[in-house]
Amino acid sequence: MKLEARAKINWSLDITGVREDGYHLMDMLMQPVSLCDDLDLLPADGITLETSGYPAIKADEKNLALRAANLLRETFHPNIGCAMRLHKRIPVGAGMGGGSADAAAVLYGLNILWDLG
């Protein structure tokens, strides 16, 4: 399965408070853009992640895409795993939501691949 994890630009972002669970309340104006990371998901025995592109990122326990896949697998216990290939184009640390977009694309794709409903 091939997916695009799209970037976004925040034109304004204000923290307006903190929720009871510790997450921030935000007032923001954002715009999606065409820049994206490419994500390939293939059925496999375990969970693996290969990364390529620029900027180079590690496929370690801090990677949000890998963390999302592992958490989903621990929660739903599908009969298969997933080999993931992530090609980065969204700049890291630029506030364009690259890591979050990658994690969201993984959750979306694995929901389909693993037929989680």
N, C-alpha and C. Protein backbone atom coordinates (compact mmCIF):
# COMPACT_ATOMS: atom_id res chain seq x y z
N MET A 1 0.85 -1.17 0.00
CA MET A 1 0.00 0.00 0.00
C MET A 1 0.90 1.24 0.00
N LYS A 2 0.60 2.17 -0.88
CA LYS A 2 1.35 3.43 -0.95
C LYS A 2 0.48 4.57 -0.41
N LEU A 3 1.07 5.37 0.48
CA LEU A 3 0.36 6.49 1.08
C LEU A 3 1.23 7.74 1.03
N GLU A 4 0.57 8.89 1.07
CA GLU A 4 1.27 10.17 1.21
C GLU A 4 0.93 10.76 2.57
N ALA A 5 1.96 11.18 3.28
CA ALA A 5 1.79 11.87 4.56
C ALA A 5 2.05 13.35 4.29
N ARG A 6 1.00 14.13 4.22
CA ARG A 6 1.09 15.52 3.77
C ARG A 6 1.48 16.49 4.88
N ALA A 7 2.29 17.45 4.49
CA ALA A 7 2.72 18.52 5.39
C ALA A 7 1.62 19.58 5.49
N LYS A 8 1.80 20.50 6.43
CA LYS A 8 0.90 21.64 6.59
C LYS A 8 1.71 22.82 7.09
N ILE A 9 1.15 24.00 6.89
CA ILE A 9 1.78 25.23 7.39
C ILE A 9 0.84 25.84 8.42
N ASN A 10 1.38 26.21 9.56
CA ASN A 10 0.61 26.94 10.57
C ASN A 10 0.81 28.44 10.33
N TRP A 11 -0.25 29.12 9.94
CA TRP A 11 -0.16 30.56 9.75
C TRP A 11 -0.23 31.28 11.09
N SER A 12 -0.96 30.71 12.02
CA SER A 12 -0.98 31.25 13.38
C SER A 12 -1.28 30.10 14.32
N LEU A 13 -0.70 30.17 15.50
CA LEU A 13 -0.94 29.14 16.51
C LEU A 13 -0.78 29.78 17.88
N ASP A 14 -1.87 29.76 18.63
CA ASP A 14 -1.85 30.31 19.98
C ASP A 14 -2.26 29.23 20.96
N ILE A 15 -1.49 29.07 22.03
CA ILE A 15 -1.86 28.18 23.12
C ILE A 15 -2.81 28.97 24.01
N THR A 16 -4.03 28.45 24.17
CA THR A 16 -5.05 29.20 24.90
C THR A 16 -5.33 28.63 26.28
N GLY A 17 -4.68 27.52 26.61
CA GLY A 17 -4.91 26.93 27.92
C GLY A 17 -4.41 25.50 27.95
N VAL A 18 -4.69 24.83 29.06
CA VAL A 18 -4.30 23.43 29.22
C VAL A 18 -5.52 22.64 29.67
N ARG A 19 -5.74 21.51 29.00
CA ARG A 19 -6.86 20.64 29.38
C ARG A 19 -6.53 19.90 30.66
N GLU A 20 -7.54 19.26 31.24
CA GLU A 20 -7.33 18.49 32.47
C GLU A 20 -6.34 17.34 32.29
N ASP A 21 -6.27 16.80 31.07
CA ASP A 21 -5.35 15.69 30.81
C ASP A 21 -3.94 16.15 30.47
N GLY A 22 -3.68 17.45 30.53
CA GLY A 22 -2.34 17.98 30.29
C GLY A 22 -2.08 18.43 28.86
N TYR A 23 -2.95 18.08 27.92
CA TYR A 23 -2.78 18.53 26.54
C TYR A 23 -3.15 20.00 26.43
N HIS A 24 -2.55 20.70 25.47
CA HIS A 24 -2.81 22.13 25.29
C HIS A 24 -4.07 22.38 24.48
N LEU A 25 -4.75 23.44 24.83
CA LEU A 25 -5.83 23.97 24.01
C LEU A 25 -5.19 24.95 23.03
N MET A 26 -5.58 24.87 21.77
CA MET A 26 -4.95 25.71 20.76
C MET A 26 -5.98 26.37 19.88
N ASP A 27 -5.64 27.57 19.45
CA ASP A 27 -6.39 28.28 18.42
C ASP A 27 -5.41 28.43 17.26
N MET A 28 -5.73 27.78 16.12
CA MET A 28 -4.75 27.81 15.05
C MET A 28 -5.41 27.94 13.69
N LEU A 29 -4.65 28.48 12.78
CA LEU A 29 -5.03 28.57 11.38
C LEU A 29 -3.96 27.83 10.59
N MET A 30 -4.34 26.74 9.93
CA MET A 30 -3.37 25.95 9.19
C MET A 30 -3.83 25.74 7.76
N GLN A 31 -2.86 25.42 6.92
CA GLN A 31 -3.15 25.17 5.51
C GLN A 31 -2.37 23.94 5.06
N PRO A 32 -3.04 22.96 4.46
CA PRO A 32 -2.31 21.83 3.89
C PRO A 32 -1.51 22.29 2.67
N VAL A 33 -0.40 21.63 2.41
CA VAL A 33 0.44 21.92 1.25
C VAL A 33 0.71 20.62 0.50
N SER A 34 1.26 20.72 -0.69
CA SER A 34 1.48 19.52 -1.51
C SER A 34 2.71 18.72 -1.08
N LEU A 35 3.60 19.30 -0.31
CA LEU A 35 4.79 18.60 0.15
C LEU A 35 4.37 17.40 1.00
N CYS A 36 4.99 16.24 0.76
CA CYS A 36 4.60 15.05 1.51
C CYS A 36 5.77 14.09 1.65
N ASP A 37 5.66 13.23 2.65
CA ASP A 37 6.53 12.06 2.78
C ASP A 37 5.78 10.90 2.14
N ASP A 38 6.53 9.95 1.55
CA ASP A 38 5.94 8.76 0.96
C ASP A 38 6.09 7.59 1.92
N LEU A 39 5.02 6.81 2.06
CA LEU A 39 5.02 5.69 2.98
C LEU A 39 4.51 4.45 2.25
N ASP A 40 5.28 3.38 2.27
CA ASP A 40 4.87 2.09 1.73
C ASP A 40 4.66 1.13 2.90
N LEU A 41 3.54 0.42 2.90
CA LEU A 41 3.23 -0.57 3.92
C LEU A 41 3.04 -1.93 3.25
N LEU A 42 3.77 -2.93 3.71
CA LEU A 42 3.69 -4.28 3.16
C LEU A 42 3.47 -5.27 4.29
N PRO A 43 2.61 -6.27 4.09
CA PRO A 43 2.43 -7.29 5.13
C PRO A 43 3.76 -7.97 5.43
N ALA A 44 3.99 -8.28 6.70
CA ALA A 44 5.24 -8.92 7.13
C ALA A 44 4.98 -9.65 8.44
N ASP A 45 6.01 -10.33 8.95
CA ASP A 45 5.86 -11.05 10.21
C ASP A 45 5.90 -10.09 11.40
N GLY A 46 6.82 -9.16 11.41
CA GLY A 46 6.98 -8.23 12.52
C GLY A 46 6.74 -6.81 12.06
N ILE A 47 7.17 -5.86 12.87
CA ILE A 47 7.08 -4.45 12.53
C ILE A 47 8.50 -3.96 12.24
N THR A 48 8.72 -3.46 11.03
CA THR A 48 10.02 -2.89 10.67
C THR A 48 9.81 -1.56 9.97
N LEU A 49 10.84 -0.72 10.03
CA LEU A 49 10.80 0.58 9.36
C LEU A 49 12.15 0.84 8.71
N GLU A 50 12.11 1.16 7.43
CA GLU A 50 13.27 1.63 6.67
C GLU A 50 13.02 3.09 6.34
N THR A 51 14.05 3.92 6.45
CA THR A 51 13.89 5.33 6.11
C THR A 51 14.88 5.72 5.02
N SER A 52 14.48 6.67 4.20
CA SER A 52 15.35 7.22 3.17
C SER A 52 14.93 8.67 2.94
N GLY A 53 15.67 9.34 2.08
CA GLY A 53 15.33 10.71 1.72
C GLY A 53 16.05 11.73 2.58
N TYR A 54 15.64 12.98 2.40
CA TYR A 54 16.23 14.07 3.15
C TYR A 54 15.09 14.83 3.82
N PRO A 55 15.20 15.13 5.06
CA PRO A 55 16.35 14.89 5.93
C PRO A 55 16.38 13.43 6.41
N ALA A 56 17.58 12.95 6.63
CA ALA A 56 17.74 11.58 7.14
C ALA A 56 17.19 11.52 8.56
N ILE A 57 16.40 10.49 8.82
CA ILE A 57 15.87 10.27 10.17
C ILE A 57 16.16 8.84 10.57
N LYS A 58 16.18 8.61 11.86
CA LYS A 58 16.44 7.28 12.38
C LYS A 58 15.15 6.48 12.48
N ALA A 59 15.27 5.19 12.29
CA ALA A 59 14.15 4.27 12.48
C ALA A 59 14.29 3.65 13.86
N ASP A 60 14.20 4.48 14.89
CA ASP A 60 14.39 4.01 16.26
C ASP A 60 13.12 4.23 17.08
N GLU A 61 13.20 3.99 18.38
CA GLU A 61 12.03 4.07 19.25
C GLU A 61 11.45 5.48 19.38
N LYS A 62 12.16 6.50 18.92
CA LYS A 62 11.64 7.87 18.96
C LYS A 62 10.83 8.21 17.70
N ASN A 63 10.93 7.40 16.67
CA ASN A 63 10.24 7.67 15.41
C ASN A 63 8.73 7.49 15.61
N LEU A 64 7.97 8.54 15.32
CA LEU A 64 6.52 8.52 15.57
C LEU A 64 5.79 7.50 14.71
N ALA A 65 6.23 7.27 13.49
CA ALA A 65 5.59 6.27 12.62
C ALA A 65 5.76 4.87 13.22
N LEU A 66 6.96 4.57 13.66
CA LEU A 66 7.24 3.26 14.26
C LEU A 66 6.50 3.10 15.59
N ARG A 67 6.47 4.16 16.39
CA ARG A 67 5.76 4.11 17.66
C ARG A 67 4.26 3.87 17.44
N ALA A 68 3.69 4.54 16.43
CA ALA A 68 2.27 4.38 16.14
C ALA A 68 1.97 2.94 15.73
N ALA A 69 2.81 2.37 14.86
CA ALA A 69 2.60 0.99 14.41
C ALA A 69 2.69 0.01 15.57
N ASN A 70 3.70 0.18 16.41
CA ASN A 70 3.87 -0.73 17.55
C ASN A 70 2.72 -0.63 18.53
N LEU A 71 2.26 0.58 18.81
CA LEU A 71 1.15 0.76 19.74
C LEU A 71 -0.14 0.16 19.18
N LEU A 72 -0.39 0.35 17.88
CA LEU A 72 -1.58 -0.23 17.27
C LEU A 72 -1.53 -1.75 17.33
N ARG A 73 -0.36 -2.31 17.05
CA ARG A 73 -0.21 -3.77 17.10
C ARG A 73 -0.40 -4.30 18.53
N GLU A 74 0.17 -3.61 19.52
CA GLU A 74 0.02 -4.04 20.92
C GLU A 74 -1.44 -3.95 21.37
N THR A 75 -2.19 -3.00 20.81
CA THR A 75 -3.58 -2.79 21.21
C THR A 75 -4.53 -3.79 20.56
N PHE A 76 -4.33 -4.08 19.26
CA PHE A 76 -5.29 -4.90 18.52
C PHE A 76 -4.81 -6.31 18.20
N HIS A 77 -3.54 -6.61 18.36
CA HIS A 77 -2.98 -7.95 18.14
C HIS A 77 -3.38 -8.57 16.79
N PRO A 78 -3.07 -7.89 15.68
CA PRO A 78 -3.38 -8.48 14.37
C PRO A 78 -2.52 -9.73 14.13
N ASN A 79 -2.96 -10.56 13.20
CA ASN A 79 -2.23 -11.79 12.88
C ASN A 79 -0.98 -11.55 12.06
N ILE A 80 -0.82 -10.35 11.52
CA ILE A 80 0.34 -10.03 10.68
C ILE A 80 1.00 -8.76 11.20
N GLY A 81 2.19 -8.52 10.71
CA GLY A 81 2.91 -7.29 11.02
C GLY A 81 2.95 -6.40 9.80
N CYS A 82 4.00 -5.59 9.71
CA CYS A 82 4.10 -4.66 8.59
C CYS A 82 5.55 -4.24 8.39
N ALA A 83 6.01 -4.30 7.15
CA ALA A 83 7.29 -3.71 6.76
C ALA A 83 6.97 -2.33 6.19
N MET A 84 7.51 -1.29 6.81
CA MET A 84 7.23 0.09 6.40
C MET A 84 8.48 0.70 5.78
N ARG A 85 8.26 1.43 4.69
CA ARG A 85 9.33 2.21 4.07
C ARG A 85 8.87 3.66 4.02
N LEU A 86 9.65 4.53 4.64
CA LEU A 86 9.30 5.94 4.74
C LEU A 86 10.35 6.77 4.01
N HIS A 87 9.92 7.49 2.97
CA HIS A 87 10.82 8.38 2.24
C HIS A 87 10.49 9.81 2.65
N LYS A 88 11.44 10.46 3.35
CA LYS A 88 11.23 11.79 3.93
C LYS A 88 11.49 12.90 2.91
N ARG A 89 10.59 13.88 2.92
CA ARG A 89 10.77 15.14 2.20
C ARG A 89 10.44 16.34 3.09
N ILE A 90 9.54 16.12 4.06
CA ILE A 90 9.12 17.20 4.95
C ILE A 90 10.26 17.49 5.92
N PRO A 91 10.70 18.75 6.01
CA PRO A 91 11.81 19.09 6.91
C PRO A 91 11.48 18.77 8.37
N VAL A 92 12.45 18.19 9.07
CA VAL A 92 12.29 17.87 10.49
C VAL A 92 12.42 19.15 11.31
N GLY A 93 11.53 19.34 12.27
CA GLY A 93 11.61 20.49 13.17
C GLY A 93 11.17 21.80 12.55
N ALA A 94 10.52 21.76 11.39
CA ALA A 94 10.11 22.99 10.72
C ALA A 94 8.68 23.39 11.06
N GLY A 95 8.03 22.61 11.93
CA GLY A 95 6.66 22.94 12.31
C GLY A 95 5.65 22.60 11.23
N MET A 96 6.02 21.71 10.31
CA MET A 96 5.12 21.36 9.21
C MET A 96 4.39 20.04 9.47
N GLY A 97 4.56 19.46 10.66
CA GLY A 97 3.81 18.28 11.05
C GLY A 97 4.27 16.99 10.40
N GLY A 98 5.51 16.91 9.97
CA GLY A 98 6.00 15.73 9.28
C GLY A 98 5.90 14.45 10.09
N GLY A 99 6.38 14.46 11.31
CA GLY A 99 6.32 13.26 12.16
C GLY A 99 4.90 12.87 12.48
N SER A 100 4.06 13.85 12.78
CA SER A 100 2.65 13.57 13.07
C SER A 100 1.93 13.06 11.84
N ALA A 101 2.23 13.63 10.68
CA ALA A 101 1.61 13.17 9.43
C ALA A 101 2.03 11.74 9.13
N ASP A 102 3.29 11.42 9.37
CA ASP A 102 3.77 10.05 9.15
C ASP A 102 3.03 9.07 10.06
N ALA A 103 2.90 9.42 11.34
CA ALA A 103 2.21 8.55 12.30
C ALA A 103 0.74 8.39 11.90
N ALA A 104 0.09 9.47 11.49
CA ALA A 104 -1.31 9.39 11.08
C ALA A 104 -1.47 8.51 9.84
N ALA A 105 -0.55 8.62 8.89
CA ALA A 105 -0.61 7.78 7.69
C ALA A 105 -0.42 6.31 8.05
N VAL A 106 0.47 6.02 8.99
CA VAL A 106 0.67 4.64 9.45
C VAL A 106 -0.61 4.11 10.07
N LEU A 107 -1.24 4.87 10.95
CA LEU A 107 -2.48 4.42 11.59
C LEU A 107 -3.58 4.20 10.56
N TYR A 108 -3.70 5.11 9.62
CA TYR A 108 -4.70 4.98 8.57
C TYR A 108 -4.45 3.72 7.74
N GLY A 109 -3.21 3.56 7.28
CA GLY A 109 -2.88 2.43 6.43
C GLY A 109 -3.00 1.09 7.13
N LEU A 110 -2.53 1.02 8.38
CA LEU A 110 -2.61 -0.24 9.11
C LEU A 110 -4.04 -0.61 9.46
N ASN A 111 -4.88 0.39 9.66
CA ASN A 111 -6.30 0.11 9.89
C ASN A 111 -6.88 -0.65 8.69
N ILE A 112 -6.48 -0.25 7.49
CA ILE A 112 -6.95 -0.93 6.27
C ILE A 112 -6.25 -2.28 6.11
N LEU A 113 -4.92 -2.28 6.21
CA LEU A 113 -4.13 -3.49 5.99
C LEU A 113 -4.51 -4.60 6.97
N TRP A 114 -4.73 -4.24 8.21
CA TRP A 114 -5.05 -5.21 9.25
C TRP A 114 -6.56 -5.39 9.43
N ASP A 115 -7.37 -4.69 8.65
CA ASP A 115 -8.83 -4.80 8.69
C ASP A 115 -9.36 -4.61 10.12
N LEU A 116 -8.95 -3.51 10.74
CA LEU A 116 -9.32 -3.25 12.14
C LEU A 116 -10.70 -2.60 12.28
N GLY A 117 -11.15 -1.96 11.22
CA GLY A 117 -12.48 -1.32 11.28
C GLY A 117 -12.46 -0.06 12.07
